[in-house]
Amino acid sequence: MTVRFLGTDIETTETSCSFNGCPGQPIIDPYVNFYVRITDQCRANCAFCPYHNNQVRQFDRERFTDFFLAATKKFFINKVVITGGEPSLNWDAVADVVWVVHHNMPDVPISINTNGDLLLAMGDSGHRASEILPHIHDVALSFHHFRDTTNNEVFRSSFHAHVRDVMEFPDKSKLHLRCNLIRCAIDSPSKVLRYIEFFSRQGVTDFGFVTLMDLNPFCQENFVSYSEAGLDRLKETLPTEHRTREGCSCRNYVYANSQGRLVRYYTRRNDRPGICRSTLVYDQDRLLKGFNGEEIHYAKDS
């Protein structure tokens, strides 16, 4: 369906995902996932990621508040995701976003996408980041191998979370490890199994395995498929649901590790990263229709 918002037509999803082969159901109220890019900066240099550079722009809390409140009057806000660049490099801006969302729409889940550069600040009682964690629904931590040395190669940097950081994270119930399937990193059934086993023994119970999007030659050359990684045929695994929609698909599983602990993991493939339906992105000082989409110009009387 089309919603006129701040002088721009926003196309939102009209039906839910197809669930376990059943057709998607009509969506009555238009909804958006509201992403907030608080910085372009990142001290990692991942070859598969185009969303970082050294450009410094100021995060404007007042302007963000205006955009967010305007969106709440037009859409159901499904979730708010804080991202970057690397958001842990600017905890003050993260706290601003959390405060605005929590005080205006306390029931909206807030997630943070991070490589964990300064992850343990969230467990430091003397750091502002510790005030944020109670209001965060989940911390989606990019972690692409169970060895720090291989992660250094993937991130092309040592500025990211390390194994010890995961072990010392104060609330593992909120920790979601998100692993990109990459050639010579996690690219086979045995490595997927070792990854889940290693971190689930540390108390992590939520995992995601994502195929690379077709963003550049590196992604094309290092693409690993679901079947190659064996994600649908691990022993001690029970599939729970399969969802598809235009351009993407995901599957959810429950896995019993060697200690008898139940964990969940999902797999996702996005074949069309340009699709931006039902996604709004506040990009530090502007609002975009999708990650690389049209800029939505703000006027208080729109």
C-alpha atoms as a PDB file:
ATOM      1  CA  MET A   1       0.000   0.000   0.000  1.00  0.00           C
ATOM      2  CA  THR A   2       1.101   3.597  -0.545  1.00  0.00           C
ATOM      3  CA  VAL A   3       1.349   6.111   2.295  1.00  0.00           C
ATOM      4  CA  ARG A   4       1.980   9.799   1.694  1.00  0.00           C
ATOM      5  CA  PHE A   5       4.590  10.838   4.228  1.00  0.00           C
ATOM      6  CA  LEU A   6       6.367  14.209   4.361  1.00  0.00           C
ATOM      7  CA  GLY A   7       5.619  14.827   0.703  1.00  0.00           C
ATOM      8  CA  THR A   8       6.905  11.427  -0.471  1.00  0.00           C
ATOM      9  CA  ASP A   9       5.058   8.243  -1.419  1.00  0.00           C
ATOM     10  CA  ILE A  10       6.169   5.330   0.781  1.00  0.00           C
ATOM     11  CA  GLU A  11       5.407   1.833  -0.479  1.00  0.00           C
ATOM     12  CA  THR A  12       4.752  -0.522   2.444  1.00  0.00           C
ATOM     13  CA  THR A  13       4.345  -4.286   2.450  1.00  0.00           C
ATOM     14  CA  GLU A  14       0.779  -5.330   1.710  1.00  0.00           C
ATOM     15  CA  THR A  15       0.994  -8.978   2.798  1.00  0.00           C
ATOM     16  CA  SER A  16       2.884 -10.874   5.453  1.00  0.00           C
ATOM     17  CA  CYS A  17       5.587 -13.385   4.602  1.00  0.00           C
ATOM     18  CA  SER A  18       4.530 -16.721   3.179  1.00  0.00           C
ATOM     19  CA  PHE A  19       4.640 -18.990   6.232  1.00  0.00           C
ATOM     20  CA  ASN A  20       5.538 -22.687   5.822  1.00  0.00           C
ATOM     21  CA  GLY A  21       4.193 -22.657   2.288  1.00  0.00           C
ATOM     22  CA  CYS A  22       0.929 -20.880   3.141  1.00  0.00           C
ATOM     23  CA  PRO A  23       0.197 -17.621   1.293  1.00  0.00           C
ATOM     24  CA  GLY A  24       0.916 -14.351   3.065  1.00  0.00           C
ATOM     25  CA  GLN A  25      -1.992 -12.637   4.795  1.00  0.00           C
ATOM     26  CA  PRO A  26      -3.117  -9.051   4.094  1.00  0.00           C
ATOM     27  CA  ILE A  27      -1.601  -6.384   6.343  1.00  0.00           C
ATOM     28  CA  ILE A  28      -4.215  -3.891   7.471  1.00  0.00           C
ATOM     29  CA  ASP A  29      -2.057  -1.219   9.094  1.00  0.00           C
ATOM     30  CA  PRO A  30       1.000   0.038   7.186  1.00  0.00           C
ATOM     31  CA  TYR A  31       4.163  -0.643   9.166  1.00  0.00           C
ATOM     32  CA  VAL A  32       7.829   0.271   8.879  1.00  0.00           C
ATOM     33  CA  ASN A  33      11.078  -0.945  10.339  1.00  0.00           C
ATOM     34  CA  PHE A  34      12.866   2.233  11.448  1.00  0.00           C
ATOM     35  CA  TYR A  35      16.648   2.033  11.084  1.00  0.00           C
ATOM     36  CA  VAL A  36      18.847   4.702  12.657  1.00  0.00           C
ATOM     37  CA  ARG A  37      22.362   5.168  11.280  1.00  0.00           C
ATOM     38  CA  ILE A  38      24.072   7.177  13.972  1.00  0.00           C
ATOM     39  CA  THR A  39      27.538   7.234  12.365  1.00  0.00           C
ATOM     40  CA  ASP A  40      29.485   6.385   9.207  1.00  0.00           C
ATOM     41  CA  GLN A  41      32.636   5.675  11.170  1.00  0.00           C
ATOM     42  CA  CYS A  42      33.924   2.163  11.785  1.00  0.00           C
ATOM     43  CA  ARG A  43      37.377   0.967  12.761  1.00  0.00           C
ATOM     44  CA  ALA A  44      36.854  -2.336  10.938  1.00  0.00           C
ATOM     45  CA  ASN A  45      37.183  -2.589   7.161  1.00  0.00           C
ATOM     46  CA  CYS A  46      34.984  -5.493   6.069  1.00  0.00           C
ATOM     47  CA  ALA A  47      35.191  -6.148   2.332  1.00  0.00           C
ATOM     48  CA  PHE A  48      31.481  -7.003   2.132  1.00  0.00           C
ATOM     49  CA  CYS A  49      30.219  -3.809   3.818  1.00  0.00           C
ATOM     50  CA  PRO A  50      29.599  -0.508   1.981  1.00  0.00           C
ATOM     51  CA  TYR A  51      28.150   1.268   5.012  1.00  0.00           C
ATOM     52  CA  HIS A  52      31.236   2.803   6.574  1.00  0.00           C
ATOM     53  CA  ASN A  53      33.796   5.517   5.928  1.00  0.00           C
ATOM     54  CA  ASN A  54      35.646   8.164   7.913  1.00  0.00           C
ATOM     55  CA  GLN A  55      33.169  10.941   7.256  1.00  0.00           C
ATOM     56  CA  VAL A  56      32.112  12.694  10.455  1.00  0.00           C
ATOM     57  CA  ARG A  57      28.582  14.058  10.675  1.00  0.00           C
ATOM     58  CA  GLN A  58      26.833  15.225  13.813  1.00  0.00           C
ATOM     59  CA  PHE A  59      23.883  13.204  15.084  1.00  0.00           C
ATOM     60  CA  ASP A  60      21.024  15.643  15.663  1.00  0.00           C
ATOM     61  CA  ARG A  61      18.758  14.368  18.450  1.00  0.00           C
ATOM     62  CA  GLU A  62      16.107  17.056  17.918  1.00  0.00           C
ATOM     63  CA  ARG A  63      15.883  16.384  14.200  1.00  0.00           C
ATOM     64  CA  PHE A  64      15.726  12.620  14.792  1.00  0.00           C
ATOM     65  CA  THR A  65      12.922  13.173  17.298  1.00  0.00           C
ATOM     66  CA  ASP A  66      10.945  15.182  14.739  1.00  0.00           C
ATOM     67  CA  PHE A  67      11.297  12.484  12.087  1.00  0.00           C
ATOM     68  CA  PHE A  68      10.499   9.636  14.480  1.00  0.00           C
ATOM     69  CA  LEU A  69       7.394  11.271  15.947  1.00  0.00           C
ATOM     70  CA  ALA A  70       6.180  12.180  12.454  1.00  0.00           C
ATOM     71  CA  ALA A  71       6.571   8.526  11.433  1.00  0.00           C
ATOM     72  CA  THR A  72       4.601   7.285  14.463  1.00  0.00           C
ATOM     73  CA  LYS A  73       1.602   9.304  13.267  1.00  0.00           C
ATOM     74  CA  LYS A  74       1.584   7.590   9.857  1.00  0.00           C
ATOM     75  CA  PHE A  75       2.868   4.065  10.491  1.00  0.00           C
ATOM     76  CA  PHE A  76       2.937   1.260  12.971  1.00  0.00           C
ATOM     77  CA  ILE A  77       6.599   1.105  14.027  1.00  0.00           C
ATOM     78  CA  ASN A  78       7.501  -2.581  13.959  1.00  0.00           C
ATOM     79  CA  LYS A  79      10.984  -2.136  15.428  1.00  0.00           C
ATOM     80  CA  VAL A  80      13.831   0.364  15.736  1.00  0.00           C
ATOM     81  CA  VAL A  81      17.322  -0.803  14.759  1.00  0.00           C
ATOM     82  CA  ILE A  82      20.382   1.278  15.679  1.00  0.00           C
ATOM     83  CA  THR A  83      23.173   0.799  13.175  1.00  0.00           C
ATOM     84  CA  GLY A  84      26.095   2.483  11.405  1.00  0.00           C
ATOM     85  CA  GLY A  85      29.026   2.399  10.669  1.00  0.00           C
ATOM     86  CA  GLU A  86      29.789   1.144  14.140  1.00  0.00           C
ATOM     87  CA  PRO A  87      27.293   2.505  16.695  1.00  0.00           C
ATOM     88  CA  SER A  88      29.385   1.574  19.743  1.00  0.00           C
ATOM     89  CA  LEU A  89      31.784   4.383  18.754  1.00  0.00           C
ATOM     90  CA  ASN A  90      29.092   6.892  19.741  1.00  0.00           C
ATOM     91  CA  TRP A  91      27.279   5.701  22.855  1.00  0.00           C
ATOM     92  CA  ASP A  92      25.880   9.185  23.476  1.00  0.00           C
ATOM     93  CA  ALA A  93      23.959   9.064  20.186  1.00  0.00           C
ATOM     94  CA  VAL A  94      22.804   5.497  20.938  1.00  0.00           C
ATOM     95  CA  ALA A  95      21.508   6.710  24.301  1.00  0.00           C
ATOM     96  CA  ASP A  96      19.689   9.603  22.609  1.00  0.00           C
ATOM     97  CA  VAL A  97      17.882   7.226  20.242  1.00  0.00           C
ATOM     98  CA  VAL A  98      16.988   4.817  23.039  1.00  0.00           C
ATOM     99  CA  TRP A  99      15.666   7.660  25.198  1.00  0.00           C
ATOM    100  CA  VAL A 100      13.492   9.118  22.408  1.00  0.00           C
ATOM    101  CA  VAL A 101      12.011   5.748  21.421  1.00  0.00           C
ATOM    102  CA  HIS A 102      11.529   4.418  24.942  1.00  0.00           C
ATOM    103  CA  HIS A 103       9.859   7.583  26.245  1.00  0.00           C
ATOM    104  CA  ASN A 104       7.513   7.970  23.273  1.00  0.00           C
ATOM    105  CA  MET A 105       6.798   4.334  22.321  1.00  0.00           C
ATOM    106  CA  PRO A 106       7.989   2.114  25.191  1.00  0.00           C
ATOM    107  CA  ASP A 107       6.571  -1.074  23.635  1.00  0.00           C
ATOM    108  CA  VAL A 108       8.596  -0.813  20.414  1.00  0.00           C
ATOM    109  CA  PRO A 109      11.549  -3.246  20.476  1.00  0.00           C
ATOM    110  CA  ILE A 110      14.977  -1.633  20.016  1.00  0.00           C
ATOM    111  CA  SER A 111      17.907  -3.541  18.538  1.00  0.00           C
ATOM    112  CA  ILE A 112      21.508  -2.536  17.994  1.00  0.00           C
ATOM    113  CA  ASN A 113      23.671  -3.879  15.146  1.00  0.00           C
ATOM    114  CA  THR A 114      27.311  -3.865  16.187  1.00  0.00           C
ATOM    115  CA  ASN A 115      30.647  -5.531  15.564  1.00  0.00           C
ATOM    116  CA  GLY A 116      31.260  -5.186  19.287  1.00  0.00           C
ATOM    117  CA  ASP A 117      34.207  -2.786  19.017  1.00  0.00           C
ATOM    118  CA  LEU A 118      33.334  -1.350  22.447  1.00  0.00           C
ATOM    119  CA  LEU A 119      30.829  -4.028  23.432  1.00  0.00           C
ATOM    120  CA  LEU A 120      31.808  -4.452  27.074  1.00  0.00           C
ATOM    121  CA  ALA A 121      31.008  -0.818  27.837  1.00  0.00           C
ATOM    122  CA  MET A 122      27.436  -2.119  28.148  1.00  0.00           C
ATOM    123  CA  GLY A 123      28.514  -4.066  31.209  1.00  0.00           C
ATOM    124  CA  ASP A 124      30.561  -1.289  32.782  1.00  0.00           C
ATOM    125  CA  SER A 125      28.487   0.262  35.554  1.00  0.00           C
ATOM    126  CA  GLY A 126      30.444   3.499  35.257  1.00  0.00           C
ATOM    127  CA  HIS A 127      29.728   3.886  31.545  1.00  0.00           C
ATOM    128  CA  ARG A 128      26.651   5.460  29.968  1.00  0.00           C
ATOM    129  CA  ALA A 129      26.270   2.380  27.762  1.00  0.00           C
ATOM    130  CA  SER A 130      25.277   0.354  30.844  1.00  0.00           C
ATOM    131  CA  GLU A 131      22.143   2.498  31.149  1.00  0.00           C
ATOM    132  CA  ILE A 132      21.132   1.481  27.629  1.00  0.00           C
ATOM    133  CA  LEU A 133      21.169  -2.310  27.961  1.00  0.00           C
ATOM    134  CA  PRO A 134      17.921  -2.643  30.008  1.00  0.00           C
ATOM    135  CA  HIS A 135      16.007  -0.937  27.177  1.00  0.00           C
ATOM    136  CA  ILE A 136      17.597  -2.943  24.338  1.00  0.00           C
ATOM    137  CA  HIS A 137      15.620  -5.920  23.061  1.00  0.00           C
ATOM    138  CA  ASP A 138      18.637  -7.574  21.461  1.00  0.00           C
ATOM    139  CA  VAL A 139      22.278  -6.904  20.628  1.00  0.00           C
ATOM    140  CA  ALA A 140      22.931  -8.256  17.127  1.00  0.00           C
ATOM    141  CA  LEU A 141      26.668  -8.918  17.246  1.00  0.00           C
ATOM    142  CA  SER A 142      28.546  -9.530  13.992  1.00  0.00           C
ATOM    143  CA  PHE A 143      30.798 -12.485  14.709  1.00  0.00           C
ATOM    144  CA  HIS A 144      31.950 -14.464  11.699  1.00  0.00           C
ATOM    145  CA  HIS A 145      34.080 -17.248  13.195  1.00  0.00           C
ATOM    146  CA  PHE A 146      34.808 -18.965  16.505  1.00  0.00           C
ATOM    147  CA  ARG A 147      38.502 -17.983  16.334  1.00  0.00           C
ATOM    148  CA  ASP A 148      39.732 -14.428  16.903  1.00  0.00           C
ATOM    149  CA  THR A 149      42.482 -14.806  14.288  1.00  0.00           C
ATOM    150  CA  THR A 150      39.989 -15.628  11.537  1.00  0.00           C
ATOM    151  CA  ASN A 151      37.683 -12.817  12.664  1.00  0.00           C
ATOM    152  CA  ASN A 152      40.621 -10.413  12.352  1.00  0.00           C
ATOM    153  CA  GLU A 153      41.005 -11.512   8.737  1.00  0.00           C
ATOM    154  CA  VAL A 154      37.281 -11.100   7.998  1.00  0.00           C
ATOM    155  CA  PHE A 155      37.045  -7.680   9.657  1.00  0.00           C
ATOM    156  CA  ARG A 156      40.480  -6.734   8.281  1.00  0.00           C
ATOM    157  CA  SER A 157      41.037  -5.219  11.704  1.00  0.00           C
ATOM    158  CA  SER A 158      41.291  -6.142  15.390  1.00  0.00           C
ATOM    159  CA  PHE A 159      38.664  -3.528  16.319  1.00  0.00           C
ATOM    160  CA  HIS A 160      35.707  -5.830  16.934  1.00  0.00           C
ATOM    161  CA  ALA A 161      34.386  -8.129  19.638  1.00  0.00           C
ATOM    162  CA  HIS A 162      36.612 -11.026  20.612  1.00  0.00           C
ATOM    163  CA  VAL A 163      35.720 -14.389  22.107  1.00  0.00           C
ATOM    164  CA  ARG A 164      36.462 -13.163  25.630  1.00  0.00           C
ATOM    165  CA  ASP A 165      34.060 -10.246  25.118  1.00  0.00           C
ATOM    166  CA  VAL A 166      31.246 -12.683  24.347  1.00  0.00           C
ATOM    167  CA  MET A 167      32.126 -14.773  27.393  1.00  0.00           C
ATOM    168  CA  GLU A 168      32.058 -11.693  29.648  1.00  0.00           C
ATOM    169  CA  PHE A 169      28.936 -10.038  28.220  1.00  0.00           C
ATOM    170  CA  PRO A 170      26.605  -9.362  31.184  1.00  0.00           C
ATOM    171  CA  ASP A 171      23.258 -10.442  29.686  1.00  0.00           C
ATOM    172  CA  LYS A 172      23.621 -13.243  27.161  1.00  0.00           C
ATOM    173  CA  SER A 173      19.828 -13.559  26.883  1.00  0.00           C
ATOM    174  CA  LYS A 174      19.977 -10.370  24.774  1.00  0.00           C
ATOM    175  CA  LEU A 175      22.963 -11.442  22.710  1.00  0.00           C
ATOM    176  CA  HIS A 176      22.322 -12.540  19.125  1.00  0.00           C
ATOM    177  CA  LEU A 177      25.371 -13.711  17.182  1.00  0.00           C
ATOM    178  CA  ARG A 178      25.052 -12.954  13.485  1.00  0.00           C
ATOM    179  CA  CYS A 179      27.445 -14.800  11.217  1.00  0.00           C
ATOM    180  CA  ASN A 180      27.947 -14.070   7.525  1.00  0.00           C
ATOM    181  CA  LEU A 181      28.660 -17.200   5.505  1.00  0.00           C
ATOM    182  CA  ILE A 182      32.006 -16.447   3.841  1.00  0.00           C
ATOM    183  CA  ARG A 183      34.431 -18.594   1.890  1.00  0.00           C
ATOM    184  CA  CYS A 184      37.340 -19.742   4.120  1.00  0.00           C
ATOM    185  CA  ALA A 185      35.499 -18.648   7.280  1.00  0.00           C
ATOM    186  CA  ILE A 186      32.169 -20.351   8.144  1.00  0.00           C
ATOM    187  CA  ASP A 187      31.558 -22.246   4.913  1.00  0.00           C
ATOM    188  CA  SER A 188      30.808 -25.899   5.753  1.00  0.00           C
ATOM    189  CA  PRO A 189      28.527 -28.020   7.984  1.00  0.00           C
ATOM    190  CA  SER A 190      31.405 -28.904  10.342  1.00  0.00           C
ATOM    191  CA  LYS A 191      32.287 -25.231  10.888  1.00  0.00           C
ATOM    192  CA  VAL A 192      28.653 -24.228  11.428  1.00  0.00           C
ATOM    193  CA  LEU A 193      28.356 -26.973  14.029  1.00  0.00           C
ATOM    194  CA  ARG A 194      31.573 -25.947  15.797  1.00  0.00           C
ATOM    195  CA  TYR A 195      30.415 -22.316  15.812  1.00  0.00           C
ATOM    196  CA  ILE A 196      27.076 -23.131  17.452  1.00  0.00           C
ATOM    197  CA  GLU A 197      28.595 -25.611  19.882  1.00  0.00           C
ATOM    198  CA  PHE A 198      31.402 -23.289  20.951  1.00  0.00           C
ATOM    199  CA  PHE A 199      29.236 -20.249  21.693  1.00  0.00           C
ATOM    200  CA  SER A 200      26.220 -22.131  23.055  1.00  0.00           C
ATOM    201  CA  ARG A 201      28.524 -23.636  25.690  1.00  0.00           C
ATOM    202  CA  GLN A 202      29.312 -20.034  26.697  1.00  0.00           C
ATOM    203  CA  GLY A 203      25.593 -19.382  27.252  1.00  0.00           C
ATOM    204  CA  VAL A 204      24.582 -17.861  23.881  1.00  0.00           C
ATOM    205  CA  THR A 205      21.237 -19.238  22.690  1.00  0.00           C
ATOM    206  CA  ASP A 206      20.426 -17.165  19.594  1.00  0.00           C
ATOM    207  CA  PHE A 207      22.261 -17.316  16.252  1.00  0.00           C
ATOM    208  CA  GLY A 208      21.795 -16.137  12.694  1.00  0.00           C
ATOM    209  CA  PHE A 209      23.592 -17.309   9.551  1.00  0.00           C
ATOM    210  CA  VAL A 210      23.270 -14.968   6.593  1.00  0.00           C
ATOM    211  CA  THR A 211      24.406 -15.355   2.997  1.00  0.00           C
ATOM    212  CA  LEU A 212      26.302 -12.441   1.490  1.00  0.00           C
ATOM    213  CA  MET A 213      24.250  -9.936  -0.487  1.00  0.00           C
ATOM    214  CA  ASP A 214      25.341  -9.219  -4.043  1.00  0.00           C
ATOM    215  CA  LEU A 215      26.952  -5.862  -3.242  1.00  0.00           C
ATOM    216  CA  ASN A 216      30.404  -6.114  -4.827  1.00  0.00           C
ATOM    217  CA  PRO A 217      32.894  -8.582  -6.383  1.00  0.00           C
ATOM    218  CA  PHE A 218      34.079  -9.798  -2.962  1.00  0.00           C
ATOM    219  CA  CYS A 219      30.538 -10.899  -2.095  1.00  0.00           C
ATOM    220  CA  GLN A 220      30.184 -12.667  -5.430  1.00  0.00           C
ATOM    221  CA  GLU A 221      33.512 -14.485  -5.162  1.00  0.00           C
ATOM    222  CA  ASN A 222      33.068 -15.529  -1.521  1.00  0.00           C
ATOM    223  CA  PHE A 223      29.374 -16.442  -1.567  1.00  0.00           C
ATOM    224  CA  VAL A 224      28.456 -19.594   0.370  1.00  0.00           C
ATOM    225  CA  SER A 225      24.987 -21.078  -0.125  1.00  0.00           C
ATOM    226  CA  TYR A 226      22.731 -22.666   2.484  1.00  0.00           C
ATOM    227  CA  SER A 227      23.235 -26.113   0.996  1.00  0.00           C
ATOM    228  CA  GLU A 228      27.011 -25.707   1.003  1.00  0.00           C
ATOM    229  CA  ALA A 229      26.971 -24.717   4.669  1.00  0.00           C
ATOM    230  CA  GLY A 230      24.604 -27.578   5.511  1.00  0.00           C
ATOM    231  CA  LEU A 231      22.328 -25.377   7.578  1.00  0.00           C
ATOM    232  CA  ASP A 232      19.243 -27.458   6.839  1.00  0.00           C
ATOM    233  CA  ARG A 233      20.717 -30.833   7.746  1.00  0.00           C
ATOM    234  CA  LEU A 234      22.549 -30.485  11.057  1.00  0.00           C
ATOM    235  CA  LYS A 235      21.942 -33.391  13.411  1.00  0.00           C
ATOM    236  CA  GLU A 236      19.824 -32.667  16.505  1.00  0.00           C
ATOM    237  CA  THR A 237      18.014 -29.922  14.600  1.00  0.00           C
ATOM    238  CA  LEU A 238      14.273 -29.301  14.286  1.00  0.00           C
ATOM    239  CA  PRO A 239      12.975 -26.857  11.653  1.00  0.00           C
ATOM    240  CA  THR A 240      10.253 -24.604  13.047  1.00  0.00           C
ATOM    241  CA  GLU A 241       9.254 -22.241  10.252  1.00  0.00           C
ATOM    242  CA  HIS A 242      10.063 -21.163   6.721  1.00  0.00           C
ATOM    243  CA  ARG A 243       9.242 -17.651   5.554  1.00  0.00           C
ATOM    244  CA  THR A 244       9.528 -16.137   2.114  1.00  0.00           C
ATOM    245  CA  ARG A 245       8.692 -12.821   0.533  1.00  0.00           C
ATOM    246  CA  GLU A 246       9.787 -10.878  -2.506  1.00  0.00           C
ATOM    247  CA  GLY A 247      13.568 -11.139  -2.818  1.00  0.00           C
ATOM    248  CA  CYS A 248      14.352 -12.951   0.443  1.00  0.00           C
ATOM    249  CA  SER A 249      13.744 -16.077   2.457  1.00  0.00           C
ATOM    250  CA  CYS A 250      14.538 -17.270   5.975  1.00  0.00           C
ATOM    251  CA  ARG A 251      14.283 -20.496   7.917  1.00  0.00           C
ATOM    252  CA  ASN A 252      14.192 -20.966  11.673  1.00  0.00           C
ATOM    253  CA  TYR A 253      15.464 -23.970  13.610  1.00  0.00           C
ATOM    254  CA  VAL A 254      15.845 -25.281  17.149  1.00  0.00           C
ATOM    255  CA  TYR A 255      19.066 -27.135  17.905  1.00  0.00           C
ATOM    256  CA  ALA A 256      20.039 -29.258  20.931  1.00  0.00           C
ATOM    257  CA  ASN A 257      23.745 -28.855  21.646  1.00  0.00           C
ATOM    258  CA  SER A 258      26.041 -31.507  23.102  1.00  0.00           C
ATOM    259  CA  GLN A 259      25.130 -30.400  26.648  1.00  0.00           C
ATOM    260  CA  GLY A 260      21.405 -30.746  25.968  1.00  0.00           C
ATOM    261  CA  ARG A 261      20.849 -26.982  25.822  1.00  0.00           C
ATOM    262  CA  LEU A 262      18.261 -25.821  23.292  1.00  0.00           C
ATOM    263  CA  VAL A 263      19.309 -22.930  21.091  1.00  0.00           C
ATOM    264  CA  ARG A 264      17.690 -21.319  18.093  1.00  0.00           C
ATOM    265  CA  TYR A 265      19.187 -20.230  14.830  1.00  0.00           C
ATOM    266  CA  TYR A 266      17.911 -18.811  11.607  1.00  0.00           C
ATOM    267  CA  THR A 267      19.209 -18.663   8.063  1.00  0.00           C
ATOM    268  CA  ARG A 268      18.500 -15.778   5.721  1.00  0.00           C
ATOM    269  CA  ARG A 269      19.136 -15.014   2.092  1.00  0.00           C
ATOM    270  CA  ASN A 270      18.416 -11.646   0.492  1.00  0.00           C
ATOM    271  CA  ASP A 271      18.613 -11.807  -3.290  1.00  0.00           C
ATOM    272  CA  ARG A 272      17.510  -8.221  -3.884  1.00  0.00           C
ATOM    273  CA  PRO A 273      19.200  -5.834  -1.436  1.00  0.00           C
ATOM    274  CA  GLY A 274      17.746  -2.864  -3.281  1.00  0.00           C
ATOM    275  CA  ILE A 275      14.216  -3.640  -2.058  1.00  0.00           C
ATOM    276  CA  CYS A 276      13.331  -1.043   0.568  1.00  0.00           C
ATOM    277  CA  ARG A 277       9.598  -1.566   1.039  1.00  0.00           C
ATOM    278  CA  SER A 278       8.538  -0.839   4.627  1.00  0.00           C
ATOM    279  CA  THR A 279      12.013   0.410   5.608  1.00  0.00           C
ATOM    280  CA  LEU A 280      12.793   3.952   6.708  1.00  0.00           C
ATOM    281  CA  VAL A 281      16.388   4.921   7.488  1.00  0.00           C
ATOM    282  CA  TYR A 282      17.304   7.952   9.547  1.00  0.00           C
ATOM    283  CA  ASP A 283      20.826   8.596   8.287  1.00  0.00           C
ATOM    284  CA  GLN A 284      22.286  10.970  10.924  1.00  0.00           C
ATOM    285  CA  ASP A 285      20.675  14.130   9.561  1.00  0.00           C
ATOM    286  CA  ARG A 286      18.306  12.969   6.812  1.00  0.00           C
ATOM    287  CA  LEU A 287      15.574  10.396   6.240  1.00  0.00           C
ATOM    288  CA  LEU A 288      15.825   7.837   3.427  1.00  0.00           C
ATOM    289  CA  LYS A 289      13.281   5.524   1.832  1.00  0.00           C
ATOM    290  CA  GLY A 290      15.351   2.371   2.259  1.00  0.00           C
ATOM    291  CA  PHE A 291      19.101   2.092   2.823  1.00  0.00           C
ATOM    292  CA  ASN A 292      20.067   3.556  -0.528  1.00  0.00           C
ATOM    293  CA  GLY A 293      16.757   5.084  -1.447  1.00  0.00           C
ATOM    294  CA  GLU A 294      15.219   8.438  -2.109  1.00  0.00           C
ATOM    295  CA  GLU A 295      15.702  11.150   0.478  1.00  0.00           C
ATOM    296  CA  ILE A 296      12.530  12.259   2.241  1.00  0.00           C
ATOM    297  CA  HIS A 297      12.585  16.001   2.767  1.00  0.00           C
ATOM    298  CA  TYR A 298      11.306  17.177   6.095  1.00  0.00           C
ATOM    299  CA  ALA A 299       8.993  20.092   6.690  1.00  0.00           C
ATOM    300  CA  LYS A 300       7.048  20.429   9.915  1.00  0.00           C
ATOM    301  CA  ASP A 301       3.885  21.404   8.066  1.00  0.00           C
ATOM    302  CA  SER A 302       3.989  18.358   5.699  1.00  0.00           C
END
